[in-house]
PDB file of N, CA and C in Angstrom:
ATOM      1  N   MET A   1      28.746 -89.529  88.547  1.00  0.00           N
ATOM      2  CA  MET A   1      27.549 -89.232  89.288  1.00  0.00           C
ATOM      3  C   MET A   1      27.411 -87.725  89.417  1.00  0.00           C
ATOM      4  N   ILE A   2      26.273 -87.197  89.065  1.00  0.00           N
ATOM      5  CA  ILE A   2      26.017 -85.762  89.155  1.00  0.00           C
ATOM      6  C   ILE A   2      25.102 -85.512  90.335  1.00  0.00           C
ATOM      7  N   VAL A   3      25.515 -84.612  91.175  1.00  0.00           N
ATOM      8  CA  VAL A   3      24.705 -84.256  92.330  1.00  0.00           C
ATOM      9  C   VAL A   3      24.160 -82.857  92.099  1.00  0.00           C
ATOM     10  N   ARG A   4      22.895 -82.719  92.174  1.00  0.00           N
ATOM     11  CA  ARG A   4      22.260 -81.405  91.983  1.00  0.00           C
ATOM     12  C   ARG A   4      21.696 -80.933  93.324  1.00  0.00           C
ATOM     13  N   THR A   5      21.806 -79.647  93.526  1.00  0.00           N
ATOM     14  CA  THR A   5      21.249 -79.074  94.747  1.00  0.00           C
ATOM     15  C   THR A   5      20.181 -78.066  94.374  1.00  0.00           C
ATOM     16  N   CYS A   6      19.366 -77.749  95.320  1.00  0.00           N
ATOM     17  CA  CYS A   6      18.320 -76.761  95.101  1.00  0.00           C
ATOM     18  C   CYS A   6      18.880 -75.348  95.134  1.00  0.00           C
ATOM     19  N   ALA A   7      20.018 -75.195  95.752  1.00  0.00           N
ATOM     20  CA  ALA A   7      20.606 -73.865  95.884  1.00  0.00           C
ATOM     21  C   ALA A   7      21.158 -73.424  94.535  1.00  0.00           C
ATOM     22  N   GLY A   8      21.031 -72.154  94.263  1.00  0.00           N
ATOM     23  CA  GLY A   8      21.549 -71.597  93.019  1.00  0.00           C
ATOM     24  C   GLY A   8      23.049 -71.416  93.077  1.00  0.00           C
ATOM     25  N   PRO A   9      23.644 -70.987  91.970  1.00  0.00           N
ATOM     26  CA  PRO A   9      25.097 -70.817  91.917  1.00  0.00           C
ATOM     27  C   PRO A   9      25.602 -69.764  92.895  1.00  0.00           C
ATOM     28  N   ARG A  10      24.787 -68.789  93.224  1.00  0.00           N
ATOM     29  CA  ARG A  10      25.192 -67.738  94.158  1.00  0.00           C
ATOM     30  C   ARG A  10      25.499 -68.337  95.531  1.00  0.00           C
ATOM     31  N   PHE A  11      24.652 -69.265  95.998  1.00  0.00           N
ATOM     32  CA  PHE A  11      24.868 -69.914  97.289  1.00  0.00           C
ATOM     33  C   PHE A  11      26.140 -70.740  97.257  1.00  0.00           C
ATOM     34  N   GLN A  12      26.351 -71.436  96.158  1.00  0.00           N
ATOM     35  CA  GLN A  12      27.532 -72.276  96.041  1.00  0.00           C
ATOM     36  C   GLN A  12      28.801 -71.441  96.068  1.00  0.00           C
ATOM     37  N   GLU A  13      28.823 -70.265  95.423  1.00  0.00           N
ATOM     38  CA  GLU A  13      29.982 -69.387  95.446  1.00  0.00           C
ATOM     39  C   GLU A  13      30.287 -68.935  96.862  1.00  0.00           C
ATOM     40  N   ARG A  14      29.277 -68.625  97.619  1.00  0.00           N
ATOM     41  CA  ARG A  14      29.479 -68.142  98.982  1.00  0.00           C
ATOM     42  C   ARG A  14      30.099 -69.209  99.868  1.00  0.00           C
ATOM     43  N   GLY A  15      29.768 -70.464  99.625  1.00  0.00           N
ATOM     44  CA  GLY A  15      30.309 -71.539 100.436  1.00  0.00           C
ATOM     45  C   GLY A  15      31.738 -71.895 100.075  1.00  0.00           C
ATOM     46  N   VAL A  16      32.117 -71.674  98.842  1.00  0.00           N
ATOM     47  CA  VAL A  16      33.445 -72.061  98.378  1.00  0.00           C
ATOM     48  C   VAL A  16      34.519 -71.144  98.945  1.00  0.00           C
ATOM     49  N   LEU A  17      34.295 -69.852  98.919  1.00  0.00           N
ATOM     50  CA  LEU A  17      35.316 -68.903  99.364  1.00  0.00           C
ATOM     51  C   LEU A  17      35.719 -69.103 100.817  1.00  0.00           C
ATOM     52  N   PRO A  18      34.788 -69.165 101.770  1.00  0.00           N
ATOM     53  CA  PRO A  18      35.209 -69.381 103.157  1.00  0.00           C
ATOM     54  C   PRO A  18      35.904 -70.726 103.348  1.00  0.00           C
ATOM     55  N   ALA A  19      35.432 -71.757 102.669  1.00  0.00           N
ATOM     56  CA  ALA A  19      36.055 -73.072 102.804  1.00  0.00           C
ATOM     57  C   ALA A  19      37.477 -73.050 102.255  1.00  0.00           C
ATOM     58  N   LEU A  20      37.670 -72.414 101.112  1.00  0.00           N
ATOM     59  CA  LEU A  20      38.997 -72.308 100.513  1.00  0.00           C
ATOM     60  C   LEU A  20      39.937 -71.515 101.414  1.00  0.00           C
ATOM     61  N   ALA A  21      39.453 -70.423 101.962  1.00  0.00           N
ATOM     62  CA  ALA A  21      40.281 -69.613 102.857  1.00  0.00           C
ATOM     63  C   ALA A  21      40.661 -70.393 104.110  1.00  0.00           C
ATOM     64  N   LEU A  22      39.724 -71.151 104.661  1.00  0.00           N
ATOM     65  CA  LEU A  22      40.007 -71.934 105.861  1.00  0.00           C
ATOM     66  C   LEU A  22      41.047 -73.013 105.583  1.00  0.00           C
ATOM     67  N   VAL A  23      40.900 -73.708 104.473  1.00  0.00           N
ATOM     68  CA  VAL A  23      41.860 -74.758 104.123  1.00  0.00           C
ATOM     69  C   VAL A  23      43.256 -74.161 103.935  1.00  0.00           C
ATOM     70  N   ALA A  24      43.328 -73.040 103.239  1.00  0.00           N
ATOM     71  CA  ALA A  24      44.625 -72.399 103.011  1.00  0.00           C
ATOM     72  C   ALA A  24      45.236 -71.925 104.319  1.00  0.00           C
ATOM     73  N   PHE A  25      44.425 -71.348 105.175  1.00  0.00           N
ATOM     74  CA  PHE A  25      44.915 -70.868 106.464  1.00  0.00           C
ATOM     75  C   PHE A  25      45.449 -72.023 107.302  1.00  0.00           C
ATOM     76  N   LEU A  26      44.708 -73.107 107.342  1.00  0.00           N
ATOM     77  CA  LEU A  26      45.158 -74.272 108.106  1.00  0.00           C
ATOM     78  C   LEU A  26      46.437 -74.862 107.530  1.00  0.00           C
ATOM     79  N   ALA A  27      46.555 -74.886 106.217  1.00  0.00           N
ATOM     80  CA  ALA A  27      47.765 -75.420 105.588  1.00  0.00           C
ATOM     81  C   ALA A  27      48.983 -74.591 105.969  1.00  0.00           C
ATOM     82  N   VAL A  28      48.834 -73.275 105.944  1.00  0.00           N
ATOM     83  CA  VAL A  28      49.953 -72.396 106.306  1.00  0.00           C
ATOM     84  C   VAL A  28      50.288 -72.550 107.785  1.00  0.00           C
ATOM     85  N   THR A  29      49.281 -72.622 108.620  1.00  0.00           N
ATOM     86  CA  THR A  29      49.502 -72.756 110.058  1.00  0.00           C
ATOM     87  C   THR A  29      50.193 -74.075 110.380  1.00  0.00           C
ATOM     88  N   ILE A  30      49.712 -75.150 109.803  1.00  0.00           N
ATOM     89  CA  ILE A  30      50.312 -76.462 110.056  1.00  0.00           C
ATOM     90  C   ILE A  30      51.745 -76.501 109.539  1.00  0.00           C
ATOM     91  N   SER A  31      51.970 -75.897 108.389  1.00  0.00           N
ATOM     92  CA  SER A  31      53.323 -75.860 107.827  1.00  0.00           C
ATOM     93  C   SER A  31      54.270 -75.106 108.752  1.00  0.00           C
ATOM     94  N   ALA A  32      53.829 -73.981 109.277  1.00  0.00           N
ATOM     95  CA  ALA A  32      54.675 -73.199 110.186  1.00  0.00           C
ATOM     96  C   ALA A  32      54.945 -73.976 111.469  1.00  0.00           C
ATOM     97  N   MET A  33      53.941 -74.680 111.970  1.00  0.00           N
ATOM     98  CA  MET A  33      54.121 -75.450 113.195  1.00  0.00           C
ATOM     99  C   MET A  33      55.061 -76.627 112.946  1.00  0.00           C
ATOM    100  N   ALA A  34      54.962 -77.243 111.770  1.00  0.00           N
ATOM    101  CA  ALA A  34      55.801 -78.388 111.452  1.00  0.00           C
ATOM    102  C   ALA A  34      57.272 -77.991 111.356  1.00  0.00           C
ATOM    103  N   GLN A  35      57.529 -76.784 110.947  1.00  0.00           N
ATOM    104  CA  GLN A  35      58.899 -76.311 110.857  1.00  0.00           C
ATOM    105  C   GLN A  35      59.519 -76.119 112.231  1.00  0.00           C
ATOM    106  N   GLY A  36      58.681 -76.027 113.233  1.00  0.00           N
ATOM    107  CA  GLY A  36      59.172 -75.902 114.596  1.00  0.00           C
ATOM    108  C   GLY A  36      59.512 -74.487 114.990  1.00  0.00           C
ATOM    109  N   GLN A  37      59.759 -73.651 114.020  1.00  0.00           N
ATOM    110  CA  GLN A  37      60.090 -72.266 114.296  1.00  0.00           C
ATOM    111  C   GLN A  37      59.332 -71.395 113.312  1.00  0.00           C
ATOM    112  N   ALA A  38      58.691 -70.423 113.834  1.00  0.00           N
ATOM    113  CA  ALA A  38      58.090 -69.428 112.969  1.00  0.00           C
ATOM    114  C   ALA A  38      58.846 -68.132 113.204  1.00  0.00           C
ATOM    115  N   GLY A  39      59.247 -67.489 112.137  1.00  0.00           N
ATOM    116  CA  GLY A  39      59.967 -66.235 112.276  1.00  0.00           C
ATOM    117  C   GLY A  39      59.059 -65.170 112.849  1.00  0.00           C
ATOM    118  N   GLN A  40      59.638 -64.040 113.112  1.00  0.00           N
ATOM    119  CA  GLN A  40      58.840 -62.930 113.624  1.00  0.00           C
ATOM    120  C   GLN A  40      58.038 -62.319 112.487  1.00  0.00           C
ATOM    121  N   PHE A  41      56.885 -61.817 112.835  1.00  0.00           N
ATOM    122  CA  PHE A  41      56.013 -61.160 111.871  1.00  0.00           C
ATOM    123  C   PHE A  41      56.271 -59.668 111.973  1.00  0.00           C
ATOM    124  N   ALA A  42      56.818 -59.081 110.917  1.00  0.00           N
ATOM    125  CA  ALA A  42      57.197 -57.672 110.933  1.00  0.00           C
ATOM    126  C   ALA A  42      55.975 -56.779 111.124  1.00  0.00           C
ATOM    127  N   ARG A  43      56.190 -55.700 111.811  1.00  0.00           N
ATOM    128  CA  ARG A  43      55.107 -54.737 112.079  1.00  0.00           C
ATOM    129  C   ARG A  43      54.496 -54.227 110.776  1.00  0.00           C
ATOM    130  N   GLU A  44      55.337 -53.968 109.782  1.00  0.00           N
ATOM    131  CA  GLU A  44      54.847 -53.461 108.497  1.00  0.00           C
ATOM    132  C   GLU A  44      53.891 -54.461 107.852  1.00  0.00           C
ATOM    133  N   CYS A  45      54.221 -55.728 107.977  1.00  0.00           N
ATOM    134  CA  CYS A  45      53.354 -56.770 107.429  1.00  0.00           C
ATOM    135  C   CYS A  45      52.022 -56.811 108.171  1.00  0.00           C
ATOM    136  N   ALA A  46      52.077 -56.679 109.477  1.00  0.00           N
ATOM    137  CA  ALA A  46      50.853 -56.715 110.283  1.00  0.00           C
ATOM    138  C   ALA A  46      49.916 -55.569 109.899  1.00  0.00           C
ATOM    139  N   LEU A  47      50.483 -54.401 109.687  1.00  0.00           N
ATOM    140  CA  LEU A  47      49.658 -53.247 109.310  1.00  0.00           C
ATOM    141  C   LEU A  47      49.024 -53.444 107.936  1.00  0.00           C
ATOM    142  N   LYS A  48      49.811 -53.927 106.986  1.00  0.00           N
ATOM    143  CA  LYS A  48      49.269 -54.178 105.636  1.00  0.00           C
ATOM    144  C   LYS A  48      48.230 -55.289 105.667  1.00  0.00           C
ATOM    145  N   GLU A  49      48.485 -56.320 106.464  1.00  0.00           N
ATOM    146  CA  GLU A  49      47.533 -57.434 106.520  1.00  0.00           C
ATOM    147  C   GLU A  49      46.186 -56.969 107.063  1.00  0.00           C
ATOM    148  N   THR A  50      46.208 -56.128 108.063  1.00  0.00           N
ATOM    149  CA  THR A  50      44.956 -55.594 108.608  1.00  0.00           C
ATOM    150  C   THR A  50      44.174 -54.844 107.535  1.00  0.00           C
ATOM    151  N   THR A  51      44.869 -54.038 106.763  1.00  0.00           N
ATOM    152  CA  THR A  51      44.222 -53.282 105.683  1.00  0.00           C
ATOM    153  C   THR A  51      43.650 -54.220 104.629  1.00  0.00           C
ATOM    154  N   VAL A  52      44.423 -55.238 104.269  1.00  0.00           N
ATOM    155  CA  VAL A  52      44.009 -56.183 103.229  1.00  0.00           C
ATOM    156  C   VAL A  52      42.814 -57.016 103.688  1.00  0.00           C
ATOM    157  N   ILE A  53      42.857 -57.497 104.916  1.00  0.00           N
ATOM    158  CA  ILE A  53      41.734 -58.290 105.436  1.00  0.00           C
ATOM    159  C   ILE A  53      40.449 -57.469 105.411  1.00  0.00           C
ATOM    160  N   THR A  54      40.540 -56.229 105.851  1.00  0.00           N
ATOM    161  CA  THR A  54      39.368 -55.360 105.854  1.00  0.00           C
ATOM    162  C   THR A  54      38.835 -55.157 104.444  1.00  0.00           C
ATOM    163  N   LEU A  55      39.741 -54.922 103.494  1.00  0.00           N
ATOM    164  CA  LEU A  55      39.327 -54.712 102.107  1.00  0.00           C
ATOM    165  C   LEU A  55      38.629 -55.949 101.546  1.00  0.00           C
ATOM    166  N   ILE A  56      39.206 -57.122 101.760  1.00  0.00           N
ATOM    167  CA  ILE A  56      38.611 -58.363 101.254  1.00  0.00           C
ATOM    168  C   ILE A  56      37.237 -58.596 101.887  1.00  0.00           C
ATOM    169  N   GLU A  57      37.138 -58.391 103.187  1.00  0.00           N
ATOM    170  CA  GLU A  57      35.848 -58.584 103.862  1.00  0.00           C
ATOM    171  C   GLU A  57      34.803 -57.589 103.370  1.00  0.00           C
ATOM    172  N   ASP A  58      35.206 -56.341 103.169  1.00  0.00           N
ATOM    173  CA  ASP A  58      34.257 -55.331 102.693  1.00  0.00           C
ATOM    174  C   ASP A  58      33.766 -55.647 101.279  1.00  0.00           C
ATOM    175  N   HIS A  59      34.680 -56.098 100.415  1.00  0.00           N
ATOM    176  CA  HIS A  59      34.252 -56.498  99.066  1.00  0.00           C
ATOM    177  C   HIS A  59      33.316 -57.706  99.138  1.00  0.00           C
ATOM    178  N   GLY A  60      33.592 -58.623 100.046  1.00  0.00           N
ATOM    179  CA  GLY A  60      32.711 -59.776 100.212  1.00  0.00           C
ATOM    180  C   GLY A  60      31.323 -59.369 100.665  1.00  0.00           C
ATOM    181  N   ALA A  61      31.256 -58.434 101.603  1.00  0.00           N
ATOM    182  CA  ALA A  61      29.954 -57.965 102.094  1.00  0.00           C
ATOM    183  C   ALA A  61      29.201 -57.199 101.014  1.00  0.00           C
ATOM    184  N   ALA A  62      29.922 -56.434 100.203  1.00  0.00           N
ATOM    185  CA  ALA A  62      29.287 -55.637  99.155  1.00  0.00           C
ATOM    186  C   ALA A  62      28.916 -56.479  97.935  1.00  0.00           C
ATOM    187  N   GLU A  63      29.515 -57.673  97.836  1.00  0.00           N
ATOM    188  CA  GLU A  63      29.285 -58.560  96.698  1.00  0.00           C
ATOM    189  C   GLU A  63      29.530 -57.840  95.376  1.00  0.00           C
ATOM    190  N   ASP A  64      30.595 -57.037  95.326  1.00  0.00           N
ATOM    191  CA  ASP A  64      30.882 -56.264  94.129  1.00  0.00           C
ATOM    192  C   ASP A  64      32.019 -56.836  93.280  1.00  0.00           C
ATOM    193  N   LEU A  65      32.581 -57.968  93.714  1.00  0.00           N
ATOM    194  CA  LEU A  65      33.624 -58.657  92.946  1.00  0.00           C
ATOM    195  C   LEU A  65      33.294 -60.144  92.893  1.00  0.00           C
ATOM    196  N   PRO A  66      33.740 -60.820  91.850  1.00  0.00           N
ATOM    197  CA  PRO A  66      33.497 -62.272  91.767  1.00  0.00           C
ATOM    198  C   PRO A  66      34.199 -63.019  92.897  1.00  0.00           C
ATOM    199  N   ALA A  67      33.603 -64.116  93.324  1.00  0.00           N
ATOM    200  CA  ALA A  67      34.149 -64.902  94.430  1.00  0.00           C
ATOM    201  C   ALA A  67      35.543 -65.436  94.114  1.00  0.00           C
ATOM    202  N   ASP A  68      35.793 -65.791  92.854  1.00  0.00           N
ATOM    203  CA  ASP A  68      37.120 -66.314  92.523  1.00  0.00           C
ATOM    204  C   ASP A  68      38.200 -65.251  92.661  1.00  0.00           C
ATOM    205  N   ARG A  69      37.858 -64.015  92.394  1.00  0.00           N
ATOM    206  CA  ARG A  69      38.838 -62.916  92.555  1.00  0.00           C
ATOM    207  C   ARG A  69      39.135 -62.677  94.035  1.00  0.00           C
ATOM    208  N   LEU A  70      38.105 -62.731  94.871  1.00  0.00           N
ATOM    209  CA  LEU A  70      38.321 -62.578  96.310  1.00  0.00           C
ATOM    210  C   LEU A  70      39.091 -63.762  96.870  1.00  0.00           C
ATOM    211  N   GLY A  71      38.803 -64.957  96.364  1.00  0.00           N
ATOM    212  CA  GLY A  71      39.540 -66.144  96.801  1.00  0.00           C
ATOM    213  C   GLY A  71      41.015 -66.043  96.456  1.00  0.00           C
ATOM    214  N   ALA A  72      41.302 -65.556  95.252  1.00  0.00           N
ATOM    215  CA  ALA A  72      42.692 -65.368  94.847  1.00  0.00           C
ATOM    216  C   ALA A  72      43.382 -64.334  95.732  1.00  0.00           C
ATOM    217  N   ALA A  73      42.657 -63.282  96.089  1.00  0.00           N
ATOM    218  CA  ALA A  73      43.217 -62.260  96.976  1.00  0.00           C
ATOM    219  C   ALA A  73      43.517 -62.856  98.352  1.00  0.00           C
ATOM    220  N   GLY A  74      42.626 -63.712  98.840  1.00  0.00           N
ATOM    221  CA  GLY A  74      42.852 -64.377 100.124  1.00  0.00           C
ATOM    222  C   GLY A  74      44.078 -65.276 100.102  1.00  0.00           C
ATOM    223  N   LEU A  75      44.253 -66.004  99.004  1.00  0.00           N
ATOM    224  CA  LEU A  75      45.428 -66.864  98.881  1.00  0.00           C
ATOM    225  C   LEU A  75      46.709 -66.041  98.761  1.00  0.00           C
ATOM    226  N   THR A  76      46.641 -64.921  98.074  1.00  0.00           N
ATOM    227  CA  THR A  76      47.804 -64.031  97.975  1.00  0.00           C
ATOM    228  C   THR A  76      48.158 -63.483  99.349  1.00  0.00           C
ATOM    229  N   MET A  77      47.146 -63.166 100.150  1.00  0.00           N
ATOM    230  CA  MET A  77      47.388 -62.679 101.501  1.00  0.00           C
ATOM    231  C   MET A  77      48.116 -63.744 102.328  1.00  0.00           C
ATOM    232  N   LEU A  78      47.690 -64.987 102.192  1.00  0.00           N
ATOM    233  CA  LEU A  78      48.343 -66.069 102.928  1.00  0.00           C
ATOM    234  C   LEU A  78      49.787 -66.256 102.466  1.00  0.00           C
ATOM    235  N   ARG A  79      50.016 -66.117 101.163  1.00  0.00           N
ATOM    236  CA  ARG A  79      51.376 -66.204 100.637  1.00  0.00           C
ATOM    237  C   ARG A  79      52.236 -65.058 101.168  1.00  0.00           C
ATOM    238  N   ALA A  80      51.648 -63.866 101.251  1.00  0.00           N
ATOM    239  CA  ALA A  80      52.364 -62.704 101.791  1.00  0.00           C
ATOM    240  C   ALA A  80      52.704 -62.928 103.261  1.00  0.00           C
ATOM    241  N   ARG A  81      51.768 -63.506 104.000  1.00  0.00           N
ATOM    242  CA  ARG A  81      52.006 -63.776 105.426  1.00  0.00           C
ATOM    243  C   ARG A  81      53.182 -64.733 105.607  1.00  0.00           C
ATOM    244  N   LEU A  82      53.174 -65.809 104.847  1.00  0.00           N
ATOM    245  CA  LEU A  82      54.258 -66.788 104.933  1.00  0.00           C
ATOM    246  C   LEU A  82      55.597 -66.164 104.529  1.00  0.00           C
ATOM    247  N   THR A  83      55.574 -65.362 103.479  1.00  0.00           N
ATOM    248  CA  THR A  83      56.782 -64.686 103.010  1.00  0.00           C
ATOM    249  C   THR A  83      57.334 -63.766 104.089  1.00  0.00           C
ATOM    250  N   CYS A  84      56.455 -63.087 104.778  1.00  0.00           N
ATOM    251  CA  CYS A  84      56.886 -62.191 105.854  1.00  0.00           C
ATOM    252  C   CYS A  84      57.498 -62.989 107.001  1.00  0.00           C
ATOM    253  N   TYR A  85      56.871 -64.102 107.361  1.00  0.00           N
ATOM    254  CA  TYR A  85      57.421 -64.957 108.414  1.00  0.00           C
ATOM    255  C   TYR A  85      58.804 -65.494 108.037  1.00  0.00           C
ATOM    256  N   GLU A  86      59.034 -65.650 106.746  1.00  0.00           N
ATOM    257  CA  GLU A  86      60.335 -66.129 106.285  1.00  0.00           C
ATOM    258  C   GLU A  86      61.379 -65.016 106.269  1.00  0.00           C
ATOM    259  N   GLY A  87      60.972 -63.804 106.629  1.00  0.00           N
ATOM    260  CA  GLY A  87      61.916 -62.695 106.720  1.00  0.00           C
ATOM    261  C   GLY A  87      62.061 -61.879 105.452  1.00  0.00           C
ATOM    262  N   ARG A  88      61.298 -62.204 104.419  1.00  0.00           N
ATOM    263  CA  ARG A  88      61.365 -61.463 103.161  1.00  0.00           C
ATOM    264  C   ARG A  88      60.281 -60.388 103.160  1.00  0.00           C
ATOM    265  N   VAL A  89      60.492 -59.377 103.996  1.00  0.00           N
ATOM    266  CA  VAL A  89      59.474 -58.356 104.259  1.00  0.00           C
ATOM    267  C   VAL A  89      59.148 -57.545 103.009  1.00  0.00           C
ATOM    268  N   ALA A  90      60.147 -57.105 102.257  1.00  0.00           N
ATOM    269  CA  ALA A  90      59.887 -56.290 101.067  1.00  0.00           C
ATOM    270  C   ALA A  90      59.029 -57.051 100.062  1.00  0.00           C
ATOM    271  N   GLU A  91      59.327 -58.333  99.876  1.00  0.00           N
ATOM    272  CA  GLU A  91      58.542 -59.165  98.960  1.00  0.00           C
ATOM    273  C   GLU A  91      57.114 -59.329  99.480  1.00  0.00           C
ATOM    274  N   ALA A  92      56.973 -59.523 100.781  1.00  0.00           N
ATOM    275  CA  ALA A  92      55.639 -59.666 101.379  1.00  0.00           C
ATOM    276  C   ALA A  92      54.824 -58.388 101.205  1.00  0.00           C
ATOM    277  N   LEU A  93      55.455 -57.244 101.428  1.00  0.00           N
ATOM    278  CA  LEU A  93      54.747 -55.972 101.272  1.00  0.00           C
ATOM    279  C   LEU A  93      54.291 -55.772  99.833  1.00  0.00           C
ATOM    280  N   ALA A  94      55.094 -56.214  98.875  1.00  0.00           N
ATOM    281  CA  ALA A  94      54.689 -56.120  97.470  1.00  0.00           C
ATOM    282  C   ALA A  94      53.463 -56.994  97.200  1.00  0.00           C
ATOM    283  N   LEU A  95      53.425 -58.176  97.808  1.00  0.00           N
ATOM    284  CA  LEU A  95      52.250 -59.044  97.658  1.00  0.00           C
ATOM    285  C   LEU A  95      51.009 -58.395  98.266  1.00  0.00           C
ATOM    286  N   TYR A  96      51.160 -57.830  99.459  1.00  0.00           N
ATOM    287  CA  TYR A  96      50.023 -57.132 100.076  1.00  0.00           C
ATOM    288  C   TYR A  96      49.544 -55.982  99.184  1.00  0.00           C
ATOM    289  N   GLU A  97      50.483 -55.228  98.628  1.00  0.00           N
ATOM    290  CA  GLU A  97      50.124 -54.112  97.754  1.00  0.00           C
ATOM    291  C   GLU A  97      49.346 -54.589  96.531  1.00  0.00           C
ATOM    292  N   SER A  98      49.712 -55.754  96.006  1.00  0.00           N
ATOM    293  CA  SER A  98      49.007 -56.271  94.832  1.00  0.00           C
ATOM    294  C   SER A  98      47.538 -56.553  95.154  1.00  0.00           C
ATOM    295  N   ILE A  99      47.255 -56.896  96.385  1.00  0.00           N
ATOM    296  CA  ILE A  99      45.865 -57.152  96.791  1.00  0.00           C
ATOM    297  C   ILE A  99      45.077 -55.849  96.836  1.00  0.00           C
ATOM    298  N   LEU A 100      45.738 -54.769  97.192  1.00  0.00           N
ATOM    299  CA  LEU A 100      45.059 -53.476  97.258  1.00  0.00           C
ATOM    300  C   LEU A 100      44.596 -53.011  95.881  1.00  0.00           C
ATOM    301  N   ASP A 101      45.089 -53.668  94.819  1.00  0.00           N
ATOM    302  CA  ASP A 101      44.631 -53.359  93.462  1.00  0.00           C
ATOM    303  C   ASP A 101      43.169 -53.749  93.246  1.00  0.00           C
ATOM    304  N   LEU A 102      42.572 -54.453  94.207  1.00  0.00           N
ATOM    305  CA  LEU A 102      41.139 -54.747  94.113  1.00  0.00           C
ATOM    306  C   LEU A 102      40.336 -53.457  94.023  1.00  0.00           C
ATOM    307  N   GLY A 103      40.898 -52.402  94.570  1.00  0.00           N
ATOM    308  CA  GLY A 103      40.239 -51.105  94.527  1.00  0.00           C
ATOM    309  C   GLY A 103      39.261 -50.917  95.666  1.00  0.00           C
ATOM    310  N   PRO A 104      38.685 -49.731  95.712  1.00  0.00           N
ATOM    311  CA  PRO A 104      37.729 -49.427  96.793  1.00  0.00           C
ATOM    312  C   PRO A 104      36.433 -50.207  96.616  1.00  0.00           C
ATOM    313  N   VAL A 105      35.730 -50.350  97.703  1.00  0.00           N
ATOM    314  CA  VAL A 105      34.440 -51.049  97.696  1.00  0.00           C
ATOM    315  C   VAL A 105      33.414 -50.123  97.073  1.00  0.00           C
ATOM    316  N   ALA A 106      32.689 -50.640  96.065  1.00  0.00           N
ATOM    317  CA  ALA A 106      31.712 -49.821  95.343  1.00  0.00           C
ATOM    318  C   ALA A 106      30.604 -49.331  96.277  1.00  0.00           C
ATOM    319  N   SER A 107      29.941 -50.252  96.917  1.00  0.00           N
ATOM    320  CA  SER A 107      28.889 -49.919  97.880  1.00  0.00           C
ATOM    321  C   SER A 107      28.439 -51.194  98.537  1.00  0.00           C
ATOM    322  N   LEU A 108      27.838 -51.071  99.673  1.00  0.00           N
ATOM    323  CA  LEU A 108      27.270 -52.246 100.331  1.00  0.00           C
ATOM    324  C   LEU A 108      25.879 -52.458  99.792  1.00  0.00           C
ATOM    325  N   ARG A 109      25.665 -53.610  99.190  1.00  0.00           N
ATOM    326  CA  ARG A 109      24.353 -53.899  98.604  1.00  0.00           C
ATOM    327  C   ARG A 109      23.318 -54.255  99.639  1.00  0.00           C
ATOM    328  N   ARG A 110      23.775 -54.851 100.722  1.00  0.00           N
ATOM    329  CA  ARG A 110      22.852 -55.232 101.793  1.00  0.00           C
ATOM    330  C   ARG A 110      23.297 -54.561 103.072  1.00  0.00           C
ATOM    331  N   GLN A 111      22.362 -54.037 103.788  1.00  0.00           N
ATOM    332  CA  GLN A 111      22.669 -53.444 105.084  1.00  0.00           C
ATOM    333  C   GLN A 111      22.671 -54.526 106.135  1.00  0.00           C
ATOM    334  N   ARG A 112      23.654 -54.511 106.995  1.00  0.00           N
ATOM    335  CA  ARG A 112      23.696 -55.479 108.102  1.00  0.00           C
ATOM    336  C   ARG A 112      22.742 -55.017 109.195  1.00  0.00           C
ATOM    337  N   PRO A 113      22.084 -55.986 109.844  1.00  0.00           N
ATOM    338  CA  PRO A 113      21.121 -55.601 110.907  1.00  0.00           C
ATOM    339  C   PRO A 113      21.805 -55.046 112.116  1.00  0.00           C
TER     340      PRO A 113
END
């Protein structure tokens, strides 16, 4: 069965990324809760995560990268977070650094009101 929508592919891309990020976030959160213990989140990881989240959000607002690339960056961020909670800080920082390879935001195509 094929379902067609009136929305173009651009709308569909926008809906997939937030849904994918939410599902991944919930999976990591539930997994950590199921373990009963979550390790400490290192300060270095927290600082890198803040930078990475901002970069991903800015690229999303500027619409200067494909949605699948931003989705992959979001999943890498979640993997880095889990790795940091497991105490493997150096490995987590390397994952965060790999996300920074997205590069600077070209420009904001739409101005926010």
